[in-house]
N, C-alpha and C. Protein backbone atom coordinates (compact mmCIF):
# COMPACT_ATOMS: atom_id res chain seq x y z
N MET A 1 0.83 -1.15 0.05
CA MET A 1 0.00 -0.01 -0.07
C MET A 1 0.84 1.23 0.02
N ALA A 2 0.59 2.18 -0.89
CA ALA A 2 1.44 3.45 -0.98
C ALA A 2 1.21 4.34 0.29
N LYS A 3 2.37 4.90 0.69
CA LYS A 3 2.30 5.86 1.78
C LYS A 3 1.47 7.26 1.27
N LYS A 4 0.76 7.85 2.23
CA LYS A 4 -0.07 8.86 1.84
C LYS A 4 0.72 10.11 2.40
N ILE A 5 0.75 11.21 1.49
CA ILE A 5 1.56 12.32 1.82
C ILE A 5 0.57 13.61 1.51
N LEU A 6 0.51 14.48 2.49
CA LEU A 6 -0.34 15.76 2.39
C LEU A 6 0.63 16.83 2.13
N VAL A 7 0.54 17.57 0.94
CA VAL A 7 1.38 18.61 0.58
C VAL A 7 0.49 19.82 0.82
N VAL A 8 0.91 20.92 1.71
CA VAL A 8 0.16 22.06 2.03
C VAL A 8 1.03 23.29 1.68
N ASP A 9 0.50 24.04 0.69
CA ASP A 9 1.13 25.25 0.27
C ASP A 9 0.04 26.17 -0.38
N ASP A 10 0.02 27.47 -0.14
CA ASP A 10 -0.97 28.35 -0.77
C ASP A 10 -0.63 28.60 -2.26
N GLU A 11 0.52 28.23 -2.62
CA GLU A 11 0.97 28.45 -4.05
C GLU A 11 0.71 27.14 -4.73
N GLU A 12 -0.34 27.05 -5.64
CA GLU A 12 -0.78 25.92 -6.34
C GLU A 12 0.39 25.27 -7.19
N ASP A 13 1.21 26.15 -7.79
CA ASP A 13 2.29 25.52 -8.66
C ASP A 13 3.30 24.75 -7.76
N ILE A 14 3.51 25.18 -6.62
CA ILE A 14 4.48 24.51 -5.71
C ILE A 14 3.74 23.19 -5.31
N CYS A 15 2.54 23.16 -4.96
CA CYS A 15 1.72 21.96 -4.60
C CYS A 15 1.83 20.99 -5.80
N ARG A 16 1.64 21.54 -7.00
CA ARG A 16 1.55 20.58 -8.19
C ARG A 16 2.98 19.95 -8.42
N LEU A 17 4.04 20.80 -8.38
CA LEU A 17 5.45 20.31 -8.53
C LEU A 17 5.79 19.27 -7.63
N ILE A 18 5.55 19.60 -6.32
CA ILE A 18 5.88 18.55 -5.27
C ILE A 18 5.05 17.25 -5.33
N SER A 19 3.78 17.52 -5.67
CA SER A 19 2.81 16.31 -5.69
C SER A 19 3.14 15.36 -6.83
N ARG A 20 3.48 16.01 -8.02
CA ARG A 20 3.96 15.27 -9.25
C ARG A 20 5.22 14.37 -8.90
N ALA A 21 6.15 15.03 -8.35
CA ALA A 21 7.45 14.35 -8.00
C ALA A 21 7.14 13.25 -7.07
N LEU A 22 6.39 13.46 -5.92
CA LEU A 22 6.06 12.45 -5.06
C LEU A 22 5.23 11.31 -5.63
N GLU A 23 4.22 11.57 -6.46
CA GLU A 23 3.42 10.60 -7.14
C GLU A 23 4.33 9.85 -8.04
N ASN A 24 5.32 10.38 -8.75
CA ASN A 24 6.26 9.56 -9.61
C ASN A 24 7.12 8.59 -8.75
N GLU A 25 7.18 8.83 -7.44
CA GLU A 25 7.94 7.87 -6.62
C GLU A 25 6.94 6.89 -6.01
N GLY A 26 5.72 6.91 -6.31
CA GLY A 26 4.79 5.87 -5.95
C GLY A 26 3.90 6.32 -4.65
N TYR A 27 3.97 7.55 -4.20
CA TYR A 27 3.25 7.97 -3.15
C TYR A 27 1.89 8.37 -3.49
N GLU A 28 0.90 8.33 -2.60
CA GLU A 28 -0.37 8.77 -2.87
C GLU A 28 -0.47 10.17 -2.21
N VAL A 29 -0.81 11.19 -3.07
CA VAL A 29 -0.55 12.61 -2.56
C VAL A 29 -1.92 13.37 -2.53
N TYR A 30 -2.04 14.05 -1.52
CA TYR A 30 -3.21 15.00 -1.29
C TYR A 30 -2.75 16.37 -1.15
N GLY A 31 -3.58 17.35 -1.54
CA GLY A 31 -3.17 18.80 -1.42
C GLY A 31 -4.10 19.48 -0.53
N ALA A 32 -3.55 20.64 0.05
CA ALA A 32 -4.37 21.59 0.85
C ALA A 32 -3.59 23.00 0.66
N PHE A 33 -4.37 24.06 0.69
CA PHE A 33 -3.88 25.34 0.38
C PHE A 33 -3.89 26.37 1.52
N ASP A 34 -4.14 25.87 2.69
CA ASP A 34 -4.06 26.72 3.86
C ASP A 34 -4.04 25.85 5.12
N GLY A 35 -3.62 26.37 6.33
CA GLY A 35 -3.55 25.58 7.53
C GLY A 35 -4.89 24.90 7.97
N LYS A 36 -5.95 25.53 7.80
CA LYS A 36 -7.26 25.03 8.28
C LYS A 36 -7.58 23.87 7.42
N GLU A 37 -7.42 24.01 6.17
CA GLU A 37 -7.66 22.95 5.20
C GLU A 37 -6.73 21.76 5.46
N ALA A 38 -5.54 22.02 5.84
CA ALA A 38 -4.55 20.99 6.11
C ALA A 38 -5.05 20.19 7.37
N LEU A 39 -5.61 20.78 8.42
CA LEU A 39 -6.06 20.01 9.61
C LEU A 39 -7.22 19.17 9.15
N SER A 40 -8.14 19.72 8.40
CA SER A 40 -9.23 18.90 7.85
C SER A 40 -8.77 17.79 7.09
N LYS A 41 -7.82 17.87 6.15
CA LYS A 41 -7.32 16.79 5.36
C LYS A 41 -6.61 15.73 6.25
N VAL A 42 -5.84 16.14 7.24
CA VAL A 42 -5.24 15.23 8.26
C VAL A 42 -6.30 14.27 8.73
N TYR A 43 -7.35 14.73 9.13
CA TYR A 43 -8.38 13.93 9.74
C TYR A 43 -9.13 13.06 8.64
N ASP A 44 -9.30 13.67 7.51
CA ASP A 44 -9.92 12.95 6.35
C ASP A 44 -9.05 11.73 5.79
N VAL A 45 -7.74 11.95 5.62
CA VAL A 45 -6.97 11.03 4.95
C VAL A 45 -5.92 10.30 5.71
N SER A 46 -5.76 10.78 6.88
CA SER A 46 -4.71 10.22 7.76
C SER A 46 -3.45 10.03 7.04
N PRO A 47 -2.69 11.06 6.69
CA PRO A 47 -1.45 10.87 5.84
C PRO A 47 -0.36 10.35 6.70
N ASP A 48 0.67 9.74 6.12
CA ASP A 48 1.71 9.31 6.71
C ASP A 48 2.83 10.26 6.89
N LEU A 49 2.79 11.50 6.24
CA LEU A 49 3.62 12.64 6.36
C LEU A 49 3.01 13.82 5.88
N VAL A 50 3.29 15.04 6.35
CA VAL A 50 2.83 16.23 5.89
C VAL A 50 4.04 17.10 5.50
N VAL A 51 3.92 17.68 4.22
CA VAL A 51 4.96 18.78 3.70
C VAL A 51 4.13 20.02 3.74
N MET A 52 4.61 20.98 4.70
CA MET A 52 3.84 22.15 4.85
C MET A 52 4.68 23.42 4.79
N ASP A 53 3.99 24.39 4.18
CA ASP A 53 4.66 25.82 4.16
C ASP A 53 4.29 26.43 5.42
N VAL A 54 4.98 27.56 5.66
CA VAL A 54 4.60 28.39 6.85
C VAL A 54 3.58 29.57 6.52
N LEU A 55 3.96 30.24 5.48
CA LEU A 55 3.18 31.46 5.04
C LEU A 55 1.92 31.17 4.31
N MET A 56 0.81 31.06 5.06
CA MET A 56 -0.48 30.61 4.30
C MET A 56 -1.61 31.36 5.02
N PRO A 57 -2.68 31.55 4.21
CA PRO A 57 -3.89 32.34 4.79
C PRO A 57 -4.56 31.30 5.87
N LYS A 58 -5.54 32.00 6.55
CA LYS A 58 -6.29 31.34 7.52
C LYS A 58 -5.63 30.74 8.86
N MET A 59 -4.48 30.08 8.54
CA MET A 59 -3.66 29.48 9.68
C MET A 59 -2.35 29.09 9.10
N ASN A 60 -1.22 29.72 9.79
CA ASN A 60 0.06 29.44 9.22
C ASN A 60 0.51 28.04 9.61
N GLY A 61 1.62 27.65 8.95
CA GLY A 61 2.17 26.31 9.19
C GLY A 61 2.59 25.96 10.57
N TYR A 62 3.10 27.06 11.28
CA TYR A 62 3.51 26.83 12.72
C TYR A 62 2.25 26.47 13.51
N GLN A 63 1.14 27.20 13.32
CA GLN A 63 -0.04 26.98 14.05
C GLN A 63 -0.63 25.56 13.72
N ALA A 64 -0.61 25.29 12.36
CA ALA A 64 -1.18 24.00 12.02
C ALA A 64 -0.45 22.89 12.64
N SER A 65 0.93 22.98 12.53
CA SER A 65 1.73 21.92 13.27
C SER A 65 1.58 21.74 14.67
N GLU A 66 1.29 23.00 15.38
CA GLU A 66 1.03 22.78 16.83
C GLU A 66 -0.33 22.07 17.09
N GLN A 67 -1.41 22.47 16.20
CA GLN A 67 -2.66 21.81 16.34
C GLN A 67 -2.62 20.29 16.07
N ILE A 68 -1.79 19.92 15.12
CA ILE A 68 -1.58 18.52 14.86
C ILE A 68 -0.94 17.76 15.99
N ARG A 69 0.05 18.38 16.60
CA ARG A 69 0.79 17.82 17.63
C ARG A 69 -0.12 17.72 18.95
N LYS A 70 -1.12 18.55 19.17
CA LYS A 70 -1.94 18.42 20.37
C LYS A 70 -2.93 17.19 20.33
N ASP A 71 -3.11 16.62 19.04
CA ASP A 71 -4.00 15.53 18.96
C ASP A 71 -3.16 14.22 19.12
N PRO A 72 -3.54 13.45 20.18
CA PRO A 72 -2.85 12.25 20.47
C PRO A 72 -2.72 11.24 19.26
N LEU A 73 -3.69 11.29 18.44
CA LEU A 73 -3.68 10.43 17.25
C LEU A 73 -2.62 10.84 16.22
N TYR A 74 -2.25 12.09 16.25
CA TYR A 74 -1.31 12.52 15.20
C TYR A 74 0.00 13.15 15.85
N ARG A 75 0.12 12.97 17.11
CA ARG A 75 1.30 13.48 17.76
C ARG A 75 2.66 13.11 17.18
N GLU A 76 2.62 11.85 16.54
CA GLU A 76 3.85 11.27 15.95
C GLU A 76 3.84 11.42 14.35
N LEU A 77 2.92 12.12 13.84
CA LEU A 77 2.71 12.35 12.39
C LEU A 77 3.99 13.15 11.94
N PRO A 78 4.88 12.60 11.04
CA PRO A 78 6.02 13.35 10.63
C PRO A 78 5.68 14.62 9.76
N ILE A 79 6.17 15.75 10.12
CA ILE A 79 5.87 17.05 9.31
C ILE A 79 7.27 17.58 8.88
N LEU A 80 7.30 17.89 7.49
CA LEU A 80 8.44 18.55 6.91
C LEU A 80 7.95 19.97 6.50
N MET A 81 8.65 20.92 7.06
CA MET A 81 8.14 22.33 6.77
C MET A 81 9.13 22.77 5.63
N LEU A 82 8.43 23.37 4.60
CA LEU A 82 9.12 23.91 3.36
C LEU A 82 8.76 25.31 3.19
N THR A 83 9.60 26.23 3.43
CA THR A 83 9.23 27.72 3.54
C THR A 83 10.44 28.59 3.13
N VAL A 84 10.02 29.89 2.95
CA VAL A 84 11.05 30.97 2.68
C VAL A 84 11.62 31.57 3.97
N LYS A 85 10.93 31.16 5.10
CA LYS A 85 11.32 31.60 6.42
C LYS A 85 12.61 31.02 6.75
N ASP A 86 13.79 31.73 6.60
CA ASP A 86 15.09 31.17 6.78
C ASP A 86 16.03 31.59 7.91
N SER A 87 15.45 32.39 8.80
CA SER A 87 16.25 32.82 9.92
C SER A 87 16.42 31.67 10.92
N LYS A 88 17.38 31.85 11.76
CA LYS A 88 17.60 30.86 12.86
C LYS A 88 16.32 30.83 13.76
N GLU A 89 15.76 31.89 14.08
CA GLU A 89 14.54 32.05 14.86
C GLU A 89 13.32 31.37 14.20
N ASP A 90 13.26 31.47 12.79
CA ASP A 90 12.18 30.92 12.13
C ASP A 90 12.32 29.33 12.24
N LYS A 91 13.51 28.95 12.04
CA LYS A 91 13.73 27.43 12.14
C LYS A 91 13.43 26.93 13.56
N MET A 92 13.92 27.73 14.52
CA MET A 92 13.64 27.22 15.89
C MET A 92 12.08 27.27 16.18
N ARG A 93 11.43 28.30 15.63
CA ARG A 93 9.95 28.28 15.81
C ARG A 93 9.37 27.05 15.20
N GLY A 94 9.77 26.68 14.08
CA GLY A 94 9.34 25.45 13.37
C GLY A 94 9.53 24.15 14.23
N PHE A 95 10.74 24.04 14.68
CA PHE A 95 11.07 22.81 15.47
C PHE A 95 10.16 22.90 16.81
N ASP A 96 9.97 24.05 17.47
CA ASP A 96 9.16 24.17 18.61
C ASP A 96 7.74 23.95 18.35
N SER A 97 7.27 24.10 17.14
CA SER A 97 5.84 23.80 16.78
C SER A 97 5.72 22.38 16.45
N GLY A 98 6.82 21.54 16.44
CA GLY A 98 6.69 20.24 16.21
C GLY A 98 7.11 19.56 14.92
N VAL A 99 7.82 20.30 14.04
CA VAL A 99 8.17 19.72 12.76
C VAL A 99 9.39 18.95 12.93
N ASP A 100 9.58 17.93 12.05
CA ASP A 100 10.64 16.99 12.03
C ASP A 100 11.81 17.35 11.16
N GLU A 101 11.47 18.09 10.05
CA GLU A 101 12.51 18.60 9.10
C GLU A 101 12.15 20.00 8.77
N TYR A 102 13.03 20.79 8.40
CA TYR A 102 12.85 22.22 7.97
C TYR A 102 13.67 22.49 6.67
N MET A 103 13.08 22.80 5.59
CA MET A 103 13.74 23.05 4.45
C MET A 103 13.30 24.51 3.91
N ILE A 104 14.34 25.06 3.18
CA ILE A 104 14.08 26.45 2.77
C ILE A 104 13.78 26.48 1.33
N LYS A 105 12.96 27.47 0.91
CA LYS A 105 12.62 27.69 -0.50
C LYS A 105 13.60 28.81 -0.95
N PRO A 106 14.12 28.81 -2.17
CA PRO A 106 13.73 27.86 -3.25
C PRO A 106 14.45 26.42 -2.97
N PHE A 107 13.85 25.55 -3.54
CA PHE A 107 14.30 24.14 -3.12
C PHE A 107 14.54 23.35 -4.49
N ASP A 108 15.20 22.22 -4.30
CA ASP A 108 15.34 21.26 -5.34
C ASP A 108 14.36 20.13 -5.09
N VAL A 109 13.48 19.91 -6.00
CA VAL A 109 12.43 18.94 -5.76
C VAL A 109 12.98 17.56 -5.47
N THR A 110 14.20 17.20 -6.04
CA THR A 110 14.77 15.88 -5.79
C THR A 110 15.19 15.84 -4.35
N GLU A 111 15.58 16.90 -3.79
CA GLU A 111 16.02 16.93 -2.33
C GLU A 111 14.77 16.81 -1.50
N VAL A 112 13.59 17.38 -1.88
CA VAL A 112 12.33 17.33 -1.12
C VAL A 112 12.04 15.70 -1.19
N VAL A 113 12.04 15.13 -2.24
CA VAL A 113 11.67 13.71 -2.35
C VAL A 113 12.60 12.84 -1.36
N ALA A 114 13.95 13.18 -1.40
CA ALA A 114 14.90 12.46 -0.60
C ALA A 114 14.57 12.65 0.81
N ARG A 115 14.32 13.82 1.23
CA ARG A 115 13.98 14.23 2.57
C ARG A 115 12.67 13.40 3.05
N VAL A 116 11.65 13.42 2.21
CA VAL A 116 10.49 12.68 2.44
C VAL A 116 10.75 11.23 2.76
N LYS A 117 11.54 10.62 1.88
CA LYS A 117 11.85 9.27 2.03
C LYS A 117 12.58 9.00 3.39
N VAL A 118 13.64 9.86 3.74
CA VAL A 118 14.31 9.73 4.98
C VAL A 118 13.36 9.94 6.18
N VAL A 119 12.55 10.81 6.16
CA VAL A 119 11.61 11.06 7.28
C VAL A 119 10.69 9.87 7.48
N LEU A 120 10.16 9.30 6.33
CA LEU A 120 9.22 8.14 6.46
C LEU A 120 10.01 6.99 6.91
N GLU A 121 11.24 6.78 6.59
CA GLU A 121 12.03 5.56 7.06
C GLU A 121 12.24 5.69 8.57
N ARG A 122 12.40 6.99 9.09
CA ARG A 122 12.57 7.09 10.51
C ARG A 122 11.29 6.84 11.28
N SER A 123 10.18 7.01 10.72
CA SER A 123 8.96 7.00 11.45
C SER A 123 8.35 5.53 11.45
């Protein structure tokens, strides 16, 4: 059975690019375009991993990660944050909100796929 990945970014082109690359690796991929939709999708599809941006409408990635971590069912759900927020403070905020990996945009899609594989192997 294919692992399920939720890709969350308010930029549809980025969602499409990452989704296509992950689908080519055999993953089942779902998309969301803001933090609130991401939370809803987590409950709907029970993904094995979330790739999430920080800067999004309705609820940012830090807040969504914190909400995911509060639920005992999803406390261990791996989260890879992919964002333009690149300061040390931004990264620390990401890790404090519960993310497992933190990548900076612009990104190489092959590195995103590689990090997804590594995070899934660890979980």
